[in-house]
């Protein structure tokens, strides 16, 4: 199972290396493979793409999206609303301990994000999804 999980993430070449010798990004990927090897029904992740370059961010988010398609439930904390909008089914934001409905990935609500981040945002459409940029 561990070998399958490493291969699925695309890091099977790291299997023989010691964890402390890996970069932060490599460690992050190993931790995700560790979760997948356990085959949970619900996957809870806190910043699963931190320390990853753009290619690995896309790979991880694509894998998580595929897992949802296979019947897993995936809940991830992400600080980048655009990454969340591109991959999520539903967005929930936290502001001062309160939950704010951020919309679905396709209908990201910029007014909610403006309240969360305390800044004005411009929204734009990309591949049927709403993304935001600072004004």
N, C-alpha and C. Protein backbone atom coordinates (compact mmCIF):
# COMPACT_ATOMS: atom_id res chain seq x y z
N UNK A 1 0.82 -1.20 0.00
CA UNK A 1 0.00 0.00 0.00
C UNK A 1 0.86 1.27 0.00
N UNK A 2 1.93 1.27 0.77
CA UNK A 2 2.78 2.46 0.83
C UNK A 2 3.41 2.75 -0.52
N UNK A 3 3.87 1.70 -1.19
CA UNK A 3 4.46 1.88 -2.51
C UNK A 3 3.48 2.43 -3.52
N UNK A 4 2.23 1.94 -3.46
CA UNK A 4 1.18 2.45 -4.34
C UNK A 4 0.92 3.93 -4.08
N UNK A 5 0.88 4.29 -2.81
CA UNK A 5 0.61 5.69 -2.45
C UNK A 5 1.74 6.60 -2.91
N UNK A 6 2.98 6.16 -2.73
CA UNK A 6 4.12 6.96 -3.20
C UNK A 6 4.06 7.14 -4.71
N UNK A 7 3.73 6.07 -5.42
CA UNK A 7 3.66 6.14 -6.88
C UNK A 7 2.52 7.06 -7.33
N UNK A 8 1.41 7.00 -6.63
CA UNK A 8 0.26 7.83 -7.00
C UNK A 8 0.59 9.31 -6.88
N UNK A 9 1.36 9.66 -5.86
CA UNK A 9 1.76 11.06 -5.68
C UNK A 9 2.90 11.42 -6.63
N UNK A 10 3.58 10.40 -7.17
CA UNK A 10 4.69 10.66 -8.09
C UNK A 10 6.02 10.82 -7.39
N UNK A 11 6.13 10.21 -6.21
CA UNK A 11 7.37 10.35 -5.44
C UNK A 11 7.95 8.99 -5.05
N UNK A 12 7.69 7.98 -5.86
CA UNK A 12 8.18 6.64 -5.54
C UNK A 12 9.70 6.60 -5.45
N UNK A 13 10.39 7.56 -6.04
CA UNK A 13 11.85 7.60 -5.95
C UNK A 13 12.33 8.02 -4.56
N UNK A 14 11.43 8.54 -3.73
CA UNK A 14 11.82 8.97 -2.38
C UNK A 14 11.72 7.86 -1.35
N UNK A 15 11.23 6.70 -1.75
CA UNK A 15 10.96 5.61 -0.81
C UNK A 15 12.16 5.13 -0.01
N UNK A 16 13.35 5.29 -0.54
CA UNK A 16 14.55 4.81 0.15
C UNK A 16 15.27 5.90 0.95
N UNK A 17 14.75 7.11 0.91
CA UNK A 17 15.41 8.22 1.62
C UNK A 17 14.81 8.42 3.00
N UNK A 18 15.64 8.90 3.92
CA UNK A 18 15.16 9.18 5.28
C UNK A 18 14.36 10.47 5.29
N UNK A 19 13.27 10.48 6.03
CA UNK A 19 12.37 11.63 6.08
C UNK A 19 13.08 12.93 6.44
N UNK A 20 13.96 12.95 7.47
CA UNK A 20 14.61 14.22 7.83
C UNK A 20 15.53 14.78 6.74
N UNK A 21 15.92 13.95 5.79
CA UNK A 21 16.81 14.39 4.71
C UNK A 21 16.05 15.02 3.55
N UNK A 22 14.72 14.93 3.57
CA UNK A 22 13.91 15.45 2.48
C UNK A 22 13.68 16.94 2.64
N UNK A 23 13.43 17.62 1.53
CA UNK A 23 13.07 19.03 1.59
C UNK A 23 11.69 19.16 2.20
N UNK A 24 11.30 20.37 2.55
CA UNK A 24 9.98 20.61 3.12
C UNK A 24 8.87 20.18 2.18
N UNK A 25 9.03 20.47 0.90
CA UNK A 25 8.03 20.08 -0.09
C UNK A 25 7.96 18.57 -0.23
N UNK A 26 9.12 17.91 -0.26
CA UNK A 26 9.13 16.45 -0.35
C UNK A 26 8.49 15.83 0.89
N UNK A 27 8.76 16.40 2.06
CA UNK A 27 8.13 15.90 3.28
C UNK A 27 6.61 16.04 3.20
N UNK A 28 6.15 17.16 2.65
CA UNK A 28 4.71 17.39 2.50
C UNK A 28 4.08 16.30 1.61
N UNK A 29 4.75 15.97 0.53
CA UNK A 29 4.25 14.94 -0.37
C UNK A 29 4.26 13.56 0.28
N UNK A 30 5.29 13.28 1.05
CA UNK A 30 5.36 12.00 1.76
C UNK A 30 4.21 11.90 2.76
N UNK A 31 3.90 13.00 3.44
CA UNK A 31 2.79 12.98 4.41
C UNK A 31 1.46 12.71 3.71
N UNK A 32 1.28 13.27 2.53
CA UNK A 32 0.05 13.01 1.78
C UNK A 32 0.00 11.54 1.37
N UNK A 33 1.11 10.98 0.91
CA UNK A 33 1.16 9.56 0.55
C UNK A 33 0.85 8.69 1.76
N UNK A 34 1.33 9.10 2.91
CA UNK A 34 1.07 8.36 4.15
C UNK A 34 -0.44 8.30 4.44
N UNK A 35 -1.11 9.43 4.24
CA UNK A 35 -2.56 9.46 4.43
C UNK A 35 -3.23 8.52 3.44
N UNK A 36 -2.84 8.60 2.17
CA UNK A 36 -3.47 7.76 1.14
C UNK A 36 -3.25 6.27 1.41
N UNK A 37 -2.08 5.92 1.95
CA UNK A 37 -1.79 4.51 2.23
C UNK A 37 -2.74 3.94 3.28
N UNK A 38 -3.29 4.79 4.12
CA UNK A 38 -4.22 4.35 5.15
C UNK A 38 -5.64 4.17 4.62
N UNK A 39 -5.90 4.64 3.41
CA UNK A 39 -7.20 4.53 2.75
C UNK A 39 -8.37 4.99 3.62
N UNK A 40 -8.31 6.21 4.12
CA UNK A 40 -9.42 6.71 4.94
C UNK A 40 -10.60 7.10 4.05
N UNK A 41 -11.78 7.16 4.62
CA UNK A 41 -12.94 7.64 3.87
C UNK A 41 -12.98 9.16 3.85
N UNK A 42 -12.50 9.77 4.92
CA UNK A 42 -12.47 11.22 5.04
C UNK A 42 -11.02 11.65 5.21
N UNK A 43 -10.61 12.61 4.41
CA UNK A 43 -9.24 13.12 4.47
C UNK A 43 -9.30 14.58 4.90
N UNK A 44 -8.66 14.90 6.02
CA UNK A 44 -8.59 16.27 6.53
C UNK A 44 -7.16 16.76 6.33
N UNK A 45 -7.01 17.89 5.66
CA UNK A 45 -5.68 18.41 5.32
C UNK A 45 -5.56 19.87 5.70
N UNK A 46 -4.43 20.21 6.29
CA UNK A 46 -4.13 21.60 6.64
C UNK A 46 -2.99 22.06 5.74
N UNK A 47 -3.30 22.93 4.80
CA UNK A 47 -2.32 23.46 3.85
C UNK A 47 -1.54 22.36 3.13
N UNK A 48 -2.23 21.50 2.39
CA UNK A 48 -1.54 20.38 1.74
C UNK A 48 -0.59 20.77 0.63
N UNK A 49 -0.65 22.02 0.17
CA UNK A 49 0.24 22.42 -0.93
C UNK A 49 1.29 23.45 -0.52
N UNK A 50 1.39 23.70 0.81
CA UNK A 50 2.43 24.63 1.24
C UNK A 50 3.80 24.01 0.95
N UNK A 51 4.77 24.83 0.64
CA UNK A 51 6.14 24.41 0.34
C UNK A 51 6.28 23.68 -0.98
N UNK A 52 5.24 23.68 -1.80
CA UNK A 52 5.31 22.97 -3.08
C UNK A 52 5.39 23.96 -4.22
N UNK A 53 6.16 23.59 -5.26
CA UNK A 53 6.21 24.45 -6.43
C UNK A 53 4.90 24.28 -7.22
N UNK A 54 4.73 25.10 -8.22
CA UNK A 54 3.47 25.15 -8.96
C UNK A 54 3.08 23.79 -9.54
N UNK A 55 4.05 23.06 -10.08
CA UNK A 55 3.74 21.75 -10.68
C UNK A 55 3.23 20.78 -9.62
N UNK A 56 3.87 20.74 -8.46
CA UNK A 56 3.43 19.83 -7.41
C UNK A 56 2.11 20.29 -6.79
N UNK A 57 1.88 21.61 -6.72
CA UNK A 57 0.59 22.10 -6.23
C UNK A 57 -0.53 21.56 -7.12
N UNK A 58 -0.34 21.69 -8.42
CA UNK A 58 -1.36 21.22 -9.36
C UNK A 58 -1.53 19.71 -9.26
N UNK A 59 -0.42 18.99 -9.11
CA UNK A 59 -0.49 17.53 -8.99
C UNK A 59 -1.28 17.11 -7.75
N UNK A 60 -0.95 17.72 -6.62
CA UNK A 60 -1.64 17.36 -5.38
C UNK A 60 -3.12 17.70 -5.46
N UNK A 61 -3.45 18.88 -5.95
CA UNK A 61 -4.86 19.27 -6.03
C UNK A 61 -5.62 18.39 -7.02
N UNK A 62 -4.97 17.99 -8.10
CA UNK A 62 -5.61 17.09 -9.06
C UNK A 62 -5.84 15.71 -8.43
N UNK A 63 -4.88 15.24 -7.65
CA UNK A 63 -5.04 13.96 -6.95
C UNK A 63 -6.20 14.05 -5.95
N UNK A 64 -6.25 15.14 -5.20
CA UNK A 64 -7.34 15.30 -4.22
C UNK A 64 -8.69 15.35 -4.93
N UNK A 65 -8.75 16.05 -6.05
CA UNK A 65 -9.99 16.13 -6.83
C UNK A 65 -10.39 14.73 -7.31
N UNK A 66 -9.42 13.94 -7.76
CA UNK A 66 -9.69 12.57 -8.22
C UNK A 66 -10.20 11.70 -7.07
N UNK A 67 -9.64 11.90 -5.88
CA UNK A 67 -10.08 11.12 -4.72
C UNK A 67 -11.55 11.40 -4.41
N UNK A 68 -11.96 12.65 -4.55
CA UNK A 68 -13.37 12.99 -4.35
C UNK A 68 -14.22 12.22 -5.36
N UNK A 69 -13.74 12.15 -6.59
CA UNK A 69 -14.45 11.41 -7.62
C UNK A 69 -14.54 9.91 -7.33
N UNK A 70 -13.64 9.41 -6.50
CA UNK A 70 -13.63 8.00 -6.12
C UNK A 70 -14.44 7.74 -4.84
N UNK A 71 -15.08 8.80 -4.32
CA UNK A 71 -15.93 8.62 -3.15
C UNK A 71 -15.33 9.06 -1.82
N UNK A 72 -14.10 9.52 -1.82
CA UNK A 72 -13.50 10.05 -0.59
C UNK A 72 -14.11 11.42 -0.31
N UNK A 73 -14.15 11.78 0.95
CA UNK A 73 -14.49 13.15 1.34
C UNK A 73 -13.18 13.84 1.69
N UNK A 74 -12.92 14.98 1.08
CA UNK A 74 -11.68 15.71 1.31
C UNK A 74 -12.03 17.10 1.82
N UNK A 75 -11.47 17.44 2.98
CA UNK A 75 -11.62 18.77 3.55
C UNK A 75 -10.21 19.33 3.68
N UNK A 76 -9.97 20.47 3.05
CA UNK A 76 -8.63 21.05 3.07
C UNK A 76 -8.68 22.52 3.46
N UNK A 77 -7.76 22.91 4.31
CA UNK A 77 -7.58 24.31 4.64
C UNK A 77 -6.58 24.87 3.64
N UNK A 78 -7.00 25.90 2.92
CA UNK A 78 -6.15 26.55 1.93
C UNK A 78 -6.20 28.05 2.16
N UNK A 79 -5.08 28.70 2.00
CA UNK A 79 -5.06 30.16 2.16
C UNK A 79 -5.19 30.88 0.83
N UNK A 80 -5.07 30.16 -0.26
CA UNK A 80 -5.19 30.77 -1.58
C UNK A 80 -6.60 30.54 -2.12
N UNK A 81 -7.43 31.58 -2.14
CA UNK A 81 -8.81 31.38 -2.59
C UNK A 81 -8.91 30.94 -4.04
N UNK A 82 -7.94 31.31 -4.86
CA UNK A 82 -8.00 30.92 -6.26
C UNK A 82 -7.75 29.43 -6.45
N UNK A 83 -6.81 28.87 -5.71
CA UNK A 83 -6.59 27.42 -5.77
C UNK A 83 -7.86 26.72 -5.29
N UNK A 84 -8.43 27.21 -4.20
CA UNK A 84 -9.67 26.60 -3.69
C UNK A 84 -10.78 26.69 -4.75
N UNK A 85 -10.91 27.83 -5.39
CA UNK A 85 -11.96 28.01 -6.39
C UNK A 85 -11.77 27.08 -7.59
N UNK A 86 -10.54 26.81 -7.95
CA UNK A 86 -10.28 25.96 -9.10
C UNK A 86 -10.58 24.48 -8.83
N UNK A 87 -10.49 24.05 -7.58
CA UNK A 87 -10.61 22.62 -7.29
C UNK A 87 -11.76 22.24 -6.37
N UNK A 88 -12.31 23.18 -5.62
CA UNK A 88 -13.29 22.84 -4.58
C UNK A 88 -14.71 22.77 -5.12
N UNK A 89 -15.53 21.99 -4.41
CA UNK A 89 -16.97 21.98 -4.67
C UNK A 89 -17.66 23.05 -3.84
N UNK A 90 -17.13 23.27 -2.65
CA UNK A 90 -17.75 24.23 -1.72
C UNK A 90 -16.65 24.95 -0.95
N UNK A 91 -16.84 26.24 -0.75
CA UNK A 91 -15.87 27.06 -0.02
C UNK A 91 -16.49 27.61 1.24
N UNK A 92 -15.80 27.44 2.33
CA UNK A 92 -16.22 28.01 3.61
C UNK A 92 -15.05 28.82 4.13
N UNK A 93 -15.32 30.04 4.53
CA UNK A 93 -14.28 30.93 5.03
C UNK A 93 -14.46 31.16 6.53
N UNK A 94 -13.36 31.40 7.21
CA UNK A 94 -13.40 31.75 8.63
C UNK A 94 -12.97 33.20 8.79
N UNK A 95 -13.72 33.92 9.61
CA UNK A 95 -13.37 35.31 9.93
C UNK A 95 -13.70 35.53 11.40
N UNK A 96 -12.69 35.77 12.22
CA UNK A 96 -12.87 36.01 13.65
C UNK A 96 -13.72 34.92 14.32
N UNK A 97 -13.46 33.68 13.93
CA UNK A 97 -14.16 32.56 14.53
C UNK A 97 -15.53 32.27 13.96
N UNK A 98 -15.96 33.05 12.97
CA UNK A 98 -17.27 32.83 12.36
C UNK A 98 -17.11 32.19 10.99
N UNK A 99 -18.04 31.32 10.65
CA UNK A 99 -18.05 30.70 9.33
C UNK A 99 -18.81 31.59 8.36
N UNK A 100 -18.23 31.79 7.19
CA UNK A 100 -18.88 32.55 6.12
C UNK A 100 -18.96 31.65 4.90
N UNK A 101 -20.11 31.58 4.28
CA UNK A 101 -20.27 30.77 3.08
C UNK A 101 -19.56 31.48 1.93
N UNK A 102 -18.56 30.84 1.39
CA UNK A 102 -17.78 31.44 0.31
C UNK A 102 -18.28 31.09 -1.06
N UNK A 103 -19.27 30.19 -1.14
CA UNK A 103 -19.82 29.78 -2.42
C UNK A 103 -19.27 28.43 -2.84
N UNK A 104 -19.57 28.08 -4.07
CA UNK A 104 -18.99 26.88 -4.65
C UNK A 104 -17.73 27.30 -5.37
N UNK A 105 -16.96 26.35 -5.79
CA UNK A 105 -15.76 26.70 -6.54
C UNK A 105 -16.07 27.55 -7.75
N UNK A 106 -17.18 27.23 -8.42
CA UNK A 106 -17.53 27.95 -9.65
C UNK A 106 -18.11 29.34 -9.37
N UNK A 107 -18.65 29.56 -8.19
CA UNK A 107 -19.29 30.84 -7.89
C UNK A 107 -18.69 31.47 -6.64
N UNK A 108 -17.39 31.58 -6.62
CA UNK A 108 -16.68 32.22 -5.52
C UNK A 108 -17.28 33.60 -5.28
N UNK A 109 -17.53 33.92 -4.02
CA UNK A 109 -18.17 35.19 -3.70
C UNK A 109 -17.11 36.20 -3.26
N UNK A 110 -16.72 37.10 -4.15
CA UNK A 110 -15.68 38.08 -3.82
C UNK A 110 -16.01 38.94 -2.61
N UNK A 111 -17.29 39.27 -2.39
CA UNK A 111 -17.65 40.11 -1.25
C UNK A 111 -17.34 39.40 0.07
N UNK A 112 -17.45 38.08 0.09
CA UNK A 112 -17.10 37.33 1.30
C UNK A 112 -15.58 37.39 1.51
N UNK A 113 -14.83 37.20 0.44
CA UNK A 113 -13.38 37.25 0.56
C UNK A 113 -12.88 38.64 0.93
N UNK A 114 -13.56 39.66 0.45
CA UNK A 114 -13.19 41.03 0.84
C UNK A 114 -13.34 41.20 2.33
N UNK A 115 -14.39 40.65 2.91
CA UNK A 115 -14.59 40.73 4.36
C UNK A 115 -13.54 39.91 5.11
N UNK A 116 -13.21 38.75 4.59
CA UNK A 116 -12.22 37.88 5.24
C UNK A 116 -10.83 38.50 5.21
N UNK A 117 -10.41 38.97 4.05
CA UNK A 117 -9.05 39.48 3.89
C UNK A 117 -8.92 40.97 4.19
N UNK A 118 -10.05 41.68 4.34
CA UNK A 118 -9.99 43.10 4.65
C UNK A 118 -9.40 43.93 3.53
N UNK A 119 -9.73 43.57 2.30
CA UNK A 119 -9.21 44.31 1.15
C UNK A 119 -10.18 44.21 -0.01
N UNK A 120 -10.08 45.16 -0.92
CA UNK A 120 -10.92 45.16 -2.12
C UNK A 120 -10.32 44.19 -3.13
N UNK A 121 -11.21 43.50 -3.83
CA UNK A 121 -10.78 42.51 -4.80
C UNK A 121 -11.48 42.72 -6.14
N UNK A 122 -10.81 42.36 -7.19
CA UNK A 122 -11.42 42.29 -8.52
C UNK A 122 -11.69 40.82 -8.79
N UNK A 123 -12.79 40.53 -9.44
CA UNK A 123 -13.06 39.15 -9.81
C UNK A 123 -12.94 39.01 -11.31
N UNK A 124 -12.58 37.80 -11.74
CA UNK A 124 -12.48 37.51 -13.16
C UNK A 124 -12.93 36.07 -13.38
N UNK A 125 -13.37 35.80 -14.58
CA UNK A 125 -13.82 34.46 -14.94
C UNK A 125 -12.71 33.73 -15.66
N UNK A 126 -12.51 32.47 -15.27
CA UNK A 126 -11.50 31.63 -15.90
C UNK A 126 -12.03 30.20 -15.91
N UNK A 127 -12.20 29.67 -17.08
CA UNK A 127 -12.69 28.29 -17.24
C UNK A 127 -13.96 28.02 -16.44
N UNK A 128 -14.86 28.97 -16.46
CA UNK A 128 -16.13 28.79 -15.78
C UNK A 128 -16.07 28.97 -14.27
N UNK A 129 -14.95 29.46 -13.76
CA UNK A 129 -14.79 29.67 -12.32
C UNK A 129 -14.49 31.15 -12.08
N UNK A 130 -14.87 31.62 -10.91
CA UNK A 130 -14.58 32.99 -10.51
C UNK A 130 -13.30 33.00 -9.70
N UNK A 131 -12.33 33.81 -10.12
CA UNK A 131 -11.08 34.00 -9.39
C UNK A 131 -11.02 35.44 -8.92
N UNK A 132 -10.13 35.72 -7.97
CA UNK A 132 -10.01 37.08 -7.45
C UNK A 132 -8.56 37.54 -7.48
N UNK A 133 -8.41 38.84 -7.64
CA UNK A 133 -7.10 39.49 -7.61
C UNK A 133 -7.22 40.76 -6.77
N UNK A 134 -6.15 41.17 -6.08
CA UNK A 134 -6.21 42.44 -5.36
C UNK A 134 -6.44 43.60 -6.34
N UNK A 135 -7.20 44.59 -5.86
CA UNK A 135 -7.41 45.79 -6.70
C UNK A 135 -6.18 46.63 -6.71
